[in-house]
Amino acid sequence: MRPVNTICHSQRQRDRRRHDDSRDGKWGRQSSHPTMSSTLPAAGGTEGRDAYSIRAILGGVTELGAADETRIDRWLCAVRLVKTRPLATQLCEGGHVLVNGSTARPSTRVRTGDRVEARIADRDRIVEVVRPIESRVGAAVAATCYVDHSPPVVRDQGPAIKVIRGEGRPSKRLRRELDRLRRAGDA
């Protein structure tokens, strides 16, 4: 009778070889595919991917027969500037979205090169359309569909002295310092 370990070991080797062969596919490793030899520039989160997988992702987004324009509410949702399409529609109806300087309705069409200005979540977003897409895509692909010209986010600075919870009542001296800082912040 053979030892169990040798059977398992050889079976593991066969399974590993079979797995490696199936992963290589018809053309060997993915980067050696004859038509996919060029590399695409790295964009938001795609640094670790090879050209074949990036083109496969973008191919699903931009087909050859795809429209060269799309509705602004669908585009805002597709590139993940807003969470849902109804929210994008509300922003457009409320007058918070401008396309090329004019107020946009939800049905306004956007094309490559259009400038979209929107007030989203108390932040001014200014983006240029690179690729008009209609379906929601992953964050890495969505970042390649627009160029962000938004001003940087400015965080409000709180007081220099912070009250630590559980420390009890502040002393009279600390209370006066806090009041002084609050008055300086309001002015």
N, C-alpha and C. Protein backbone atom coordinates (compact mmCIF):
# COMPACT_ATOMS: atom_id res chain seq x y z
N MET A 1 0.84 -1.18 0.00
CA MET A 1 0.00 0.00 0.00
C MET A 1 0.88 1.25 0.00
N ARG A 2 0.51 2.26 -0.84
CA ARG A 2 1.30 3.48 -0.93
C ARG A 2 0.97 4.42 0.21
N PRO A 3 1.95 5.23 0.59
CA PRO A 3 1.67 6.23 1.61
C PRO A 3 0.68 7.27 1.06
N VAL A 4 -0.17 7.74 1.91
CA VAL A 4 -1.21 8.70 1.52
C VAL A 4 -0.60 10.03 1.08
N ASN A 5 0.49 10.45 1.71
CA ASN A 5 1.10 11.73 1.40
C ASN A 5 1.59 11.82 -0.04
N THR A 6 2.16 10.74 -0.59
CA THR A 6 2.66 10.80 -1.96
C THR A 6 1.51 10.92 -2.95
N ILE A 7 0.39 10.28 -2.69
CA ILE A 7 -0.75 10.39 -3.59
C ILE A 7 -1.28 11.82 -3.56
N CYS A 8 -1.45 12.36 -2.38
CA CYS A 8 -1.95 13.72 -2.25
C CYS A 8 -0.99 14.72 -2.87
N HIS A 9 0.31 14.52 -2.66
CA HIS A 9 1.30 15.44 -3.19
C HIS A 9 1.27 15.46 -4.71
N SER A 10 1.28 14.28 -5.33
CA SER A 10 1.27 14.24 -6.79
C SER A 10 -0.06 14.77 -7.34
N GLN A 11 -1.13 14.51 -6.65
CA GLN A 11 -2.43 15.03 -7.09
C GLN A 11 -2.45 16.55 -6.99
N ARG A 12 -1.86 17.09 -5.93
CA ARG A 12 -1.77 18.54 -5.80
C ARG A 12 -0.97 19.14 -6.94
N GLN A 13 0.13 18.49 -7.31
CA GLN A 13 0.95 19.00 -8.41
C GLN A 13 0.17 19.00 -9.72
N ARG A 14 -0.56 17.92 -9.98
CA ARG A 14 -1.37 17.86 -11.20
C ARG A 14 -2.43 18.95 -11.20
N ASP A 15 -3.10 19.15 -10.07
CA ASP A 15 -4.13 20.18 -9.98
C ASP A 15 -3.52 21.57 -10.18
N ARG A 16 -2.35 21.79 -9.61
CA ARG A 16 -1.70 23.09 -9.74
C ARG A 16 -1.33 23.36 -11.20
N ARG A 17 -0.79 22.34 -11.90
CA ARG A 17 -0.45 22.49 -13.31
C ARG A 17 -1.70 22.76 -14.13
N ARG A 18 -2.76 22.03 -13.85
CA ARG A 18 -4.01 22.21 -14.58
C ARG A 18 -4.55 23.62 -14.36
N HIS A 19 -4.46 24.12 -13.14
CA HIS A 19 -4.93 25.48 -12.82
C HIS A 19 -4.08 26.53 -13.55
N ASP A 20 -2.76 26.34 -13.56
CA ASP A 20 -1.87 27.29 -14.25
C ASP A 20 -2.15 27.30 -15.75
N ASP A 21 -2.39 26.11 -16.34
CA ASP A 21 -2.67 26.04 -17.77
C ASP A 21 -3.98 26.73 -18.12
N SER A 22 -4.99 26.54 -17.29
CA SER A 22 -6.29 27.17 -17.58
C SER A 22 -6.21 28.68 -17.40
N ARG A 23 -5.37 29.15 -16.51
CA ARG A 23 -5.25 30.59 -16.27
C ARG A 23 -4.52 31.26 -17.43
N ASP A 24 -3.57 30.57 -18.04
CA ASP A 24 -2.83 31.15 -19.15
C ASP A 24 -3.72 31.35 -20.37
N GLY A 25 -4.68 30.48 -20.58
CA GLY A 25 -5.62 30.64 -21.69
C GLY A 25 -4.99 30.34 -23.03
N LYS A 26 -5.68 30.76 -24.10
CA LYS A 26 -5.28 30.44 -25.46
C LYS A 26 -3.97 31.11 -25.86
N TRP A 27 -3.73 32.33 -25.42
CA TRP A 27 -2.58 33.12 -25.88
C TRP A 27 -1.44 33.16 -24.85
N GLY A 28 -1.43 32.26 -23.90
CA GLY A 28 -0.41 32.33 -22.87
C GLY A 28 -0.80 33.38 -21.85
N ARG A 29 0.14 34.06 -21.31
CA ARG A 29 -0.17 35.14 -20.36
C ARG A 29 -0.88 36.26 -21.08
N GLN A 30 -1.71 37.00 -20.36
CA GLN A 30 -2.56 38.01 -20.99
C GLN A 30 -1.77 39.11 -21.68
N SER A 31 -0.65 39.50 -21.15
CA SER A 31 0.10 40.60 -21.72
C SER A 31 0.75 40.23 -23.06
N SER A 32 0.81 38.91 -23.40
CA SER A 32 1.44 38.53 -24.65
C SER A 32 0.43 38.35 -25.77
N HIS A 33 -0.79 38.79 -25.60
CA HIS A 33 -1.80 38.73 -26.64
C HIS A 33 -1.34 39.59 -27.81
N PRO A 34 -1.40 39.09 -29.06
CA PRO A 34 -0.82 39.84 -30.17
C PRO A 34 -1.42 41.22 -30.40
N THR A 35 -2.73 41.40 -30.18
CA THR A 35 -3.34 42.70 -30.45
C THR A 35 -3.34 43.61 -29.24
N MET A 36 -2.97 43.11 -28.10
CA MET A 36 -3.02 43.91 -26.87
C MET A 36 -1.64 44.21 -26.34
N SER A 37 -0.67 44.44 -27.20
CA SER A 37 0.69 44.62 -26.74
C SER A 37 0.96 46.02 -26.22
N SER A 38 0.15 47.01 -26.64
CA SER A 38 0.41 48.37 -26.17
C SER A 38 -0.15 48.56 -24.78
N THR A 39 0.36 49.54 -24.09
CA THR A 39 -0.12 49.82 -22.75
C THR A 39 -0.85 51.15 -22.75
N LEU A 40 -1.83 51.24 -21.88
CA LEU A 40 -2.59 52.46 -21.75
C LEU A 40 -2.04 53.27 -20.59
N PRO A 41 -2.20 54.59 -20.61
CA PRO A 41 -1.71 55.37 -19.49
C PRO A 41 -2.48 55.03 -18.23
N ALA A 42 -1.78 55.09 -17.11
CA ALA A 42 -2.41 54.77 -15.83
C ALA A 42 -3.37 55.88 -15.45
N ALA A 43 -4.55 55.49 -14.99
CA ALA A 43 -5.54 56.46 -14.55
C ALA A 43 -6.18 55.92 -13.29
N GLY A 44 -6.50 56.79 -12.36
CA GLY A 44 -7.13 56.50 -11.09
C GLY A 44 -7.37 55.06 -10.74
N GLY A 45 -6.45 54.39 -10.11
CA GLY A 45 -6.65 53.06 -9.58
C GLY A 45 -6.35 51.94 -10.56
N THR A 46 -5.84 52.22 -11.76
CA THR A 46 -5.58 51.17 -12.72
C THR A 46 -4.11 50.87 -12.90
N GLU A 47 -3.25 51.31 -11.97
CA GLU A 47 -1.81 51.14 -12.11
C GLU A 47 -1.42 49.67 -12.15
N GLY A 48 -2.08 48.82 -11.39
CA GLY A 48 -1.70 47.42 -11.28
C GLY A 48 -2.27 46.55 -12.38
N ARG A 49 -3.04 47.11 -13.30
CA ARG A 49 -3.67 46.30 -14.32
C ARG A 49 -2.87 46.34 -15.61
N ASP A 50 -2.97 45.26 -16.38
CA ASP A 50 -2.29 45.26 -17.67
C ASP A 50 -3.21 45.84 -18.74
N ALA A 51 -2.69 46.06 -19.92
CA ALA A 51 -3.42 46.72 -21.00
C ALA A 51 -4.66 45.93 -21.40
N TYR A 52 -4.57 44.63 -21.38
CA TYR A 52 -5.68 43.78 -21.80
C TYR A 52 -6.89 43.98 -20.90
N SER A 53 -6.69 43.97 -19.59
CA SER A 53 -7.83 44.11 -18.67
C SER A 53 -8.40 45.51 -18.70
N ILE A 54 -7.56 46.55 -18.88
CA ILE A 54 -8.07 47.91 -18.96
C ILE A 54 -8.92 48.08 -20.21
N ARG A 55 -8.45 47.56 -21.33
CA ARG A 55 -9.23 47.66 -22.57
C ARG A 55 -10.53 46.88 -22.46
N ALA A 56 -10.50 45.75 -21.76
CA ALA A 56 -11.73 44.98 -21.59
C ALA A 56 -12.75 45.77 -20.79
N ILE A 57 -12.29 46.45 -19.74
CA ILE A 57 -13.20 47.25 -18.92
C ILE A 57 -13.73 48.43 -19.74
N LEU A 58 -12.85 49.16 -20.41
CA LEU A 58 -13.28 50.31 -21.19
C LEU A 58 -14.09 49.88 -22.40
N GLY A 59 -13.84 48.69 -22.92
CA GLY A 59 -14.63 48.19 -24.04
C GLY A 59 -16.08 48.00 -23.66
N GLY A 60 -16.34 47.59 -22.42
CA GLY A 60 -17.71 47.45 -21.96
C GLY A 60 -18.37 48.80 -21.75
N VAL A 61 -17.58 49.83 -21.55
CA VAL A 61 -18.13 51.16 -21.33
C VAL A 61 -18.38 51.86 -22.65
N THR A 62 -17.43 51.79 -23.56
CA THR A 62 -17.51 52.52 -24.82
C THR A 62 -17.46 51.54 -25.98
N GLU A 63 -18.61 51.12 -26.46
CA GLU A 63 -18.63 50.26 -27.63
C GLU A 63 -18.47 51.11 -28.88
N LEU A 64 -18.21 50.46 -30.00
CA LEU A 64 -18.02 51.19 -31.23
C LEU A 64 -19.29 51.92 -31.65
N GLY A 65 -20.46 51.32 -31.43
CA GLY A 65 -21.71 51.95 -31.83
C GLY A 65 -22.33 52.79 -30.73
N ALA A 66 -21.58 53.11 -29.68
CA ALA A 66 -22.12 53.86 -28.56
C ALA A 66 -22.42 55.30 -28.97
N ALA A 67 -23.39 55.88 -28.26
CA ALA A 67 -23.78 57.26 -28.55
C ALA A 67 -22.65 58.21 -28.16
N ASP A 68 -22.55 59.32 -28.89
CA ASP A 68 -21.51 60.28 -28.56
C ASP A 68 -22.03 61.36 -27.62
N GLU A 69 -23.28 61.20 -27.16
CA GLU A 69 -23.84 62.12 -26.17
C GLU A 69 -24.79 61.35 -25.27
N THR A 70 -25.01 61.88 -24.08
CA THR A 70 -25.91 61.25 -23.12
C THR A 70 -26.56 62.30 -22.24
N ARG A 71 -27.61 61.93 -21.55
CA ARG A 71 -28.31 62.85 -20.65
C ARG A 71 -27.42 63.19 -19.47
N ILE A 72 -27.52 64.43 -18.98
CA ILE A 72 -26.67 64.87 -17.88
C ILE A 72 -26.97 64.11 -16.59
N ASP A 73 -28.26 63.81 -16.31
CA ASP A 73 -28.57 63.10 -15.08
C ASP A 73 -28.02 61.68 -15.10
N ARG A 74 -28.07 61.03 -16.26
CA ARG A 74 -27.50 59.68 -16.37
C ARG A 74 -25.98 59.72 -16.26
N TRP A 75 -25.36 60.72 -16.86
CA TRP A 75 -23.90 60.81 -16.84
C TRP A 75 -23.38 61.09 -15.43
N LEU A 76 -24.05 62.00 -14.71
CA LEU A 76 -23.61 62.31 -13.34
C LEU A 76 -23.64 61.06 -12.46
N CYS A 77 -24.66 60.25 -12.63
CA CYS A 77 -24.77 59.01 -11.85
C CYS A 77 -23.75 57.98 -12.34
N ALA A 78 -23.55 57.88 -13.65
CA ALA A 78 -22.65 56.87 -14.21
C ALA A 78 -21.21 57.09 -13.79
N VAL A 79 -20.78 58.36 -13.69
CA VAL A 79 -19.39 58.63 -13.31
C VAL A 79 -19.23 58.82 -11.80
N ARG A 80 -20.27 58.49 -11.05
CA ARG A 80 -20.24 58.46 -9.59
C ARG A 80 -20.02 59.81 -8.93
N LEU A 81 -20.49 60.89 -9.56
CA LEU A 81 -20.46 62.19 -8.88
C LEU A 81 -21.64 62.29 -7.91
N VAL A 82 -22.74 61.60 -8.20
CA VAL A 82 -23.88 61.49 -7.29
C VAL A 82 -24.19 60.01 -7.10
N LYS A 83 -24.88 59.69 -6.01
CA LYS A 83 -25.14 58.29 -5.70
C LYS A 83 -26.22 57.67 -6.58
N THR A 84 -27.30 58.42 -6.82
CA THR A 84 -28.40 57.85 -7.57
C THR A 84 -28.84 58.79 -8.68
N ARG A 85 -29.53 58.24 -9.66
CA ARG A 85 -30.03 59.06 -10.76
C ARG A 85 -31.13 60.02 -10.31
N PRO A 86 -32.06 59.60 -9.43
CA PRO A 86 -33.05 60.57 -8.96
C PRO A 86 -32.41 61.77 -8.24
N LEU A 87 -31.32 61.55 -7.55
CA LEU A 87 -30.61 62.67 -6.90
C LEU A 87 -30.03 63.61 -7.96
N ALA A 88 -29.49 63.05 -9.03
CA ALA A 88 -28.97 63.87 -10.13
C ALA A 88 -30.09 64.67 -10.78
N THR A 89 -31.27 64.05 -10.92
CA THR A 89 -32.42 64.74 -11.49
C THR A 89 -32.84 65.90 -10.60
N GLN A 90 -32.85 65.69 -9.28
CA GLN A 90 -33.22 66.75 -8.34
C GLN A 90 -32.23 67.91 -8.41
N LEU A 91 -30.94 67.60 -8.53
CA LEU A 91 -29.94 68.66 -8.65
C LEU A 91 -30.17 69.49 -9.90
N CYS A 92 -30.47 68.84 -11.01
CA CYS A 92 -30.71 69.56 -12.27
C CYS A 92 -31.97 70.41 -12.17
N GLU A 93 -33.05 69.85 -11.61
CA GLU A 93 -34.29 70.61 -11.50
C GLU A 93 -34.17 71.77 -10.53
N GLY A 94 -33.30 71.64 -9.54
CA GLY A 94 -33.07 72.72 -8.57
C GLY A 94 -32.14 73.81 -9.07
N GLY A 95 -31.58 73.64 -10.26
CA GLY A 95 -30.70 74.65 -10.83
C GLY A 95 -29.28 74.59 -10.31
N HIS A 96 -28.87 73.45 -9.78
CA HIS A 96 -27.52 73.31 -9.22
C HIS A 96 -26.51 72.79 -10.23
N VAL A 97 -26.94 72.51 -11.47
CA VAL A 97 -26.06 71.95 -12.49
C VAL A 97 -26.04 72.89 -13.70
N LEU A 98 -24.83 73.24 -14.13
CA LEU A 98 -24.65 74.06 -15.33
C LEU A 98 -23.83 73.27 -16.34
N VAL A 99 -24.26 73.31 -17.61
CA VAL A 99 -23.50 72.69 -18.69
C VAL A 99 -23.09 73.79 -19.65
N ASN A 100 -21.80 74.00 -19.78
CA ASN A 100 -21.24 75.07 -20.62
C ASN A 100 -21.82 76.44 -20.25
N GLY A 101 -22.02 76.68 -18.97
CA GLY A 101 -22.45 77.99 -18.49
C GLY A 101 -23.94 78.21 -18.43
N SER A 102 -24.76 77.31 -18.96
CA SER A 102 -26.21 77.49 -18.90
C SER A 102 -26.84 76.42 -18.02
N THR A 103 -27.95 76.78 -17.39
CA THR A 103 -28.63 75.87 -16.47
C THR A 103 -29.08 74.62 -17.22
N ALA A 104 -28.86 73.47 -16.61
CA ALA A 104 -29.16 72.20 -17.27
C ALA A 104 -30.42 71.58 -16.71
N ARG A 105 -31.27 71.10 -17.61
CA ARG A 105 -32.40 70.27 -17.22
C ARG A 105 -31.91 68.83 -17.20
N PRO A 106 -32.65 67.90 -16.58
CA PRO A 106 -32.18 66.51 -16.55
C PRO A 106 -31.97 65.90 -17.93
N SER A 107 -32.71 66.38 -18.92
CA SER A 107 -32.60 65.81 -20.27
C SER A 107 -31.54 66.48 -21.13
N THR A 108 -30.81 67.46 -20.58
CA THR A 108 -29.76 68.13 -21.34
C THR A 108 -28.69 67.12 -21.75
N ARG A 109 -28.28 67.19 -23.01
CA ARG A 109 -27.28 66.25 -23.53
C ARG A 109 -25.87 66.79 -23.30
N VAL A 110 -24.95 65.90 -22.92
CA VAL A 110 -23.54 66.27 -22.77
C VAL A 110 -22.72 65.48 -23.77
N ARG A 111 -21.69 66.11 -24.29
CA ARG A 111 -20.78 65.50 -25.27
C ARG A 111 -19.35 65.61 -24.75
N THR A 112 -18.45 64.98 -25.43
CA THR A 112 -17.04 65.09 -25.10
C THR A 112 -16.60 66.54 -25.22
N GLY A 113 -15.92 67.05 -24.19
CA GLY A 113 -15.43 68.42 -24.19
C GLY A 113 -16.33 69.40 -23.46
N ASP A 114 -17.56 68.99 -23.09
CA ASP A 114 -18.45 69.89 -22.35
C ASP A 114 -17.94 70.12 -20.95
N ARG A 115 -18.25 71.29 -20.41
CA ARG A 115 -17.85 71.65 -19.05
C ARG A 115 -19.08 71.61 -18.16
N VAL A 116 -19.04 70.79 -17.12
CA VAL A 116 -20.17 70.62 -16.21
C VAL A 116 -19.79 71.21 -14.86
N GLU A 117 -20.61 72.15 -14.38
CA GLU A 117 -20.42 72.74 -13.05
C GLU A 117 -21.61 72.34 -12.20
N ALA A 118 -21.36 71.78 -11.03
CA ALA A 118 -22.45 71.30 -10.18
C ALA A 118 -22.13 71.58 -8.72
N ARG A 119 -23.17 71.86 -7.96
CA ARG A 119 -23.05 72.02 -6.51
C ARG A 119 -23.57 70.73 -5.89
N ILE A 120 -22.63 69.86 -5.48
CA ILE A 120 -22.97 68.54 -4.97
C ILE A 120 -22.47 68.41 -3.55
N ALA A 121 -23.38 68.15 -2.62
CA ALA A 121 -23.04 67.94 -1.21
C ALA A 121 -22.22 69.10 -0.66
N ASP A 122 -22.70 70.32 -0.86
CA ASP A 122 -22.06 71.54 -0.36
C ASP A 122 -20.64 71.72 -0.89
N ARG A 123 -20.38 71.21 -2.07
CA ARG A 123 -19.07 71.35 -2.70
C ARG A 123 -19.26 71.69 -4.17
N ASP A 124 -18.51 72.65 -4.67
CA ASP A 124 -18.56 73.01 -6.09
C ASP A 124 -17.69 72.05 -6.87
N ARG A 125 -18.30 71.35 -7.84
CA ARG A 125 -17.55 70.43 -8.70
C ARG A 125 -17.54 71.00 -10.10
N ILE A 126 -16.37 71.09 -10.71
CA ILE A 126 -16.21 71.54 -12.09
C ILE A 126 -15.46 70.44 -12.82
N VAL A 127 -16.14 69.81 -13.77
CA VAL A 127 -15.54 68.69 -14.49
C VAL A 127 -15.71 68.88 -15.99
N GLU A 128 -14.79 68.29 -16.74
CA GLU A 128 -14.85 68.30 -18.19
C GLU A 128 -15.14 66.88 -18.66
N VAL A 129 -16.12 66.72 -19.52
CA VAL A 129 -16.53 65.40 -20.00
C VAL A 129 -15.47 64.88 -20.98
N VAL A 130 -14.95 63.69 -20.69
CA VAL A 130 -14.01 63.03 -21.58
C VAL A 130 -14.71 61.93 -22.37
N ARG A 131 -15.60 61.19 -21.69
CA ARG A 131 -16.31 60.09 -22.32
C ARG A 131 -17.76 60.10 -21.82
N PRO A 132 -18.73 60.31 -22.71
CA PRO A 132 -20.14 60.26 -22.27
C PRO A 132 -20.60 58.81 -22.14
N ILE A 133 -20.86 58.38 -20.92
CA ILE A 133 -21.32 57.00 -20.68
C ILE A 133 -22.70 57.07 -20.05
N GLU A 134 -23.45 55.97 -20.17
CA GLU A 134 -24.80 55.95 -19.64
C GLU A 134 -24.97 54.99 -18.48
N SER A 135 -24.16 53.93 -18.43
CA SER A 135 -24.33 52.95 -17.35
C SER A 135 -23.27 53.18 -16.28
N ARG A 136 -23.65 52.92 -15.04
CA ARG A 136 -22.76 53.12 -13.90
C ARG A 136 -21.60 52.12 -13.97
N VAL A 137 -20.40 52.61 -13.75
CA VAL A 137 -19.20 51.77 -13.83
C VAL A 137 -18.41 51.88 -12.53
N GLY A 138 -17.37 51.09 -12.42
CA GLY A 138 -16.52 51.12 -11.23
C GLY A 138 -15.80 52.45 -11.10
N ALA A 139 -15.31 52.72 -9.90
CA ALA A 139 -14.68 54.01 -9.61
C ALA A 139 -13.42 54.24 -10.45
N ALA A 140 -12.65 53.20 -10.70
CA ALA A 140 -11.42 53.36 -11.49
C ALA A 140 -11.74 53.76 -12.92
N VAL A 141 -12.76 53.17 -13.50
CA VAL A 141 -13.15 53.49 -14.87
C VAL A 141 -13.85 54.84 -14.92
N ALA A 142 -14.67 55.12 -13.91
CA ALA A 142 -15.39 56.40 -13.87
C ALA A 142 -14.43 57.58 -13.83
N ALA A 143 -13.32 57.42 -13.17
CA ALA A 143 -12.33 58.51 -13.07
C ALA A 143 -11.70 58.83 -14.42
N THR A 144 -11.74 57.90 -15.37
CA THR A 144 -11.19 58.16 -16.69
C THR A 144 -12.19 58.85 -17.62
N CYS A 145 -13.43 59.00 -17.18
CA CYS A 145 -14.48 59.56 -18.03
C CYS A 145 -14.62 61.07 -17.87
N TYR A 146 -13.89 61.67 -16.96
CA TYR A 146 -13.93 63.13 -16.80
C TYR A 146 -12.60 63.63 -16.26
N VAL A 147 -12.37 64.94 -16.47
CA VAL A 147 -11.20 65.61 -15.91
C VAL A 147 -11.72 66.58 -14.86
N ASP A 148 -11.21 66.46 -13.65
CA ASP A 148 -11.71 67.27 -12.54
C ASP A 148 -10.93 68.58 -12.43
N HIS A 149 -11.66 69.70 -12.53
CA HIS A 149 -11.07 71.03 -12.38
C HIS A 149 -11.59 71.71 -11.12
N SER A 150 -12.12 70.93 -10.18
CA SER A 150 -12.74 71.48 -8.98
C SER A 150 -11.70 72.14 -8.09
N PRO A 151 -12.11 73.21 -7.38
CA PRO A 151 -11.19 73.81 -6.42
C PRO A 151 -10.96 72.85 -5.26
N PRO A 152 -9.80 72.93 -4.62
CA PRO A 152 -9.52 72.02 -3.50
C PRO A 152 -10.47 72.26 -2.34
N VAL A 153 -10.71 71.20 -1.59
CA VAL A 153 -11.60 71.27 -0.44
C VAL A 153 -10.87 71.96 0.70
N VAL A 154 -11.50 72.98 1.30
CA VAL A 154 -10.93 73.69 2.43
C VAL A 154 -11.66 73.23 3.68
N ARG A 155 -10.94 72.66 4.57
CA ARG A 155 -11.53 72.17 5.82
C ARG A 155 -11.60 73.30 6.83
N ASP A 156 -12.71 73.37 7.55
CA ASP A 156 -12.83 74.35 8.62
C ASP A 156 -12.00 73.91 9.80
N GLN A 157 -11.18 74.83 10.30
CA GLN A 157 -10.37 74.48 11.46
C GLN A 157 -11.14 74.81 12.72
N GLY A 158 -11.14 73.89 13.65
CA GLY A 158 -11.80 74.09 14.93
C GLY A 158 -10.90 74.85 15.88
N PRO A 159 -11.33 75.00 17.09
CA PRO A 159 -10.50 75.70 18.07
C PRO A 159 -9.21 74.93 18.36
N ALA A 160 -8.18 75.69 18.73
CA ALA A 160 -6.89 75.08 19.01
C ALA A 160 -6.95 74.22 20.27
N ILE A 161 -7.80 74.59 21.20
CA ILE A 161 -7.97 73.81 22.43
C ILE A 161 -9.23 72.98 22.28
N LYS A 162 -9.11 71.71 22.49
CA LYS A 162 -10.25 70.82 22.33
C LYS A 162 -10.63 70.25 23.69
N VAL A 163 -11.90 70.30 23.99
CA VAL A 163 -12.38 69.77 25.25
C VAL A 163 -12.40 68.25 25.14
N ILE A 164 -11.80 67.58 26.10
CA ILE A 164 -11.74 66.13 26.09
C ILE A 164 -12.91 65.61 26.90
N ARG A 165 -13.68 64.75 26.25
CA ARG A 165 -14.87 64.21 26.90
C ARG A 165 -14.46 63.33 28.09
N GLY A 166 -15.15 63.50 29.18
CA GLY A 166 -14.87 62.72 30.37
C GLY A 166 -13.87 63.38 31.30
N GLU A 167 -13.33 64.53 30.93
CA GLU A 167 -12.35 65.23 31.75
C GLU A 167 -13.04 66.05 32.84
N GLY A 168 -14.34 66.17 32.76
CA GLY A 168 -15.04 66.96 33.76
C GLY A 168 -15.19 68.41 33.34
N ARG A 169 -15.59 69.22 34.27
CA ARG A 169 -15.85 70.63 34.00
C ARG A 169 -14.52 71.37 33.80
N PRO A 170 -14.45 72.25 32.74
CA PRO A 170 -13.20 72.97 32.53
C PRO A 170 -12.98 74.01 33.63
N SER A 171 -11.73 74.30 33.90
CA SER A 171 -11.41 75.31 34.90
C SER A 171 -11.80 76.69 34.37
N LYS A 172 -11.81 77.67 35.26
CA LYS A 172 -12.19 79.02 34.86
C LYS A 172 -11.22 79.56 33.82
N ARG A 173 -9.96 79.30 33.98
CA ARG A 173 -8.94 79.77 33.04
C ARG A 173 -9.14 79.14 31.66
N LEU A 174 -9.38 77.82 31.59
CA LEU A 174 -9.60 77.12 30.34
C LEU A 174 -10.89 77.59 29.68
N ARG A 175 -11.92 77.84 30.48
CA ARG A 175 -13.20 78.32 29.94
C ARG A 175 -13.03 79.69 29.27
N ARG A 176 -12.24 80.57 29.89
CA ARG A 176 -11.99 81.89 29.31
C ARG A 176 -11.23 81.78 28.00
N GLU A 177 -10.26 80.87 27.94
CA GLU A 177 -9.51 80.66 26.70
C GLU A 177 -10.42 80.15 25.59
N LEU A 178 -11.30 79.22 25.91
CA LEU A 178 -12.25 78.70 24.93
C LEU A 178 -13.17 79.80 24.43
N ASP A 179 -13.68 80.63 25.32
CA ASP A 179 -14.55 81.74 24.91
C ASP A 179 -13.80 82.70 24.01
N ARG A 180 -12.54 82.99 24.34
CA ARG A 180 -11.73 83.89 23.51
C ARG A 180 -11.53 83.33 22.11
N LEU A 181 -11.25 82.02 22.00
CA LEU A 181 -11.07 81.38 20.71
C LEU A 181 -12.36 81.36 19.89
N ARG A 182 -13.49 81.14 20.55
CA ARG A 182 -14.79 81.12 19.85
C ARG A 182 -15.12 82.50 19.31
N ARG A 183 -14.86 83.54 20.11
CA ARG A 183 -15.12 84.91 19.64
C ARG A 183 -14.23 85.27 18.47
N ALA A 184 -12.98 84.82 18.50
CA ALA A 184 -12.04 85.12 17.41
C ALA A 184 -12.48 84.39 16.13
N GLY A 185 -13.03 83.21 16.27
CA GLY A 185 -13.50 82.42 15.12
C GLY A 185 -14.74 83.01 14.50
N ASP A 186 -15.60 83.63 15.28
CA ASP A 186 -16.84 84.23 14.77
C ASP A 186 -16.55 85.53 14.02
N ALA A 187 -15.51 86.25 14.40
CA ALA A 187 -15.23 87.54 13.79
C ALA A 187 -14.62 87.45 12.43
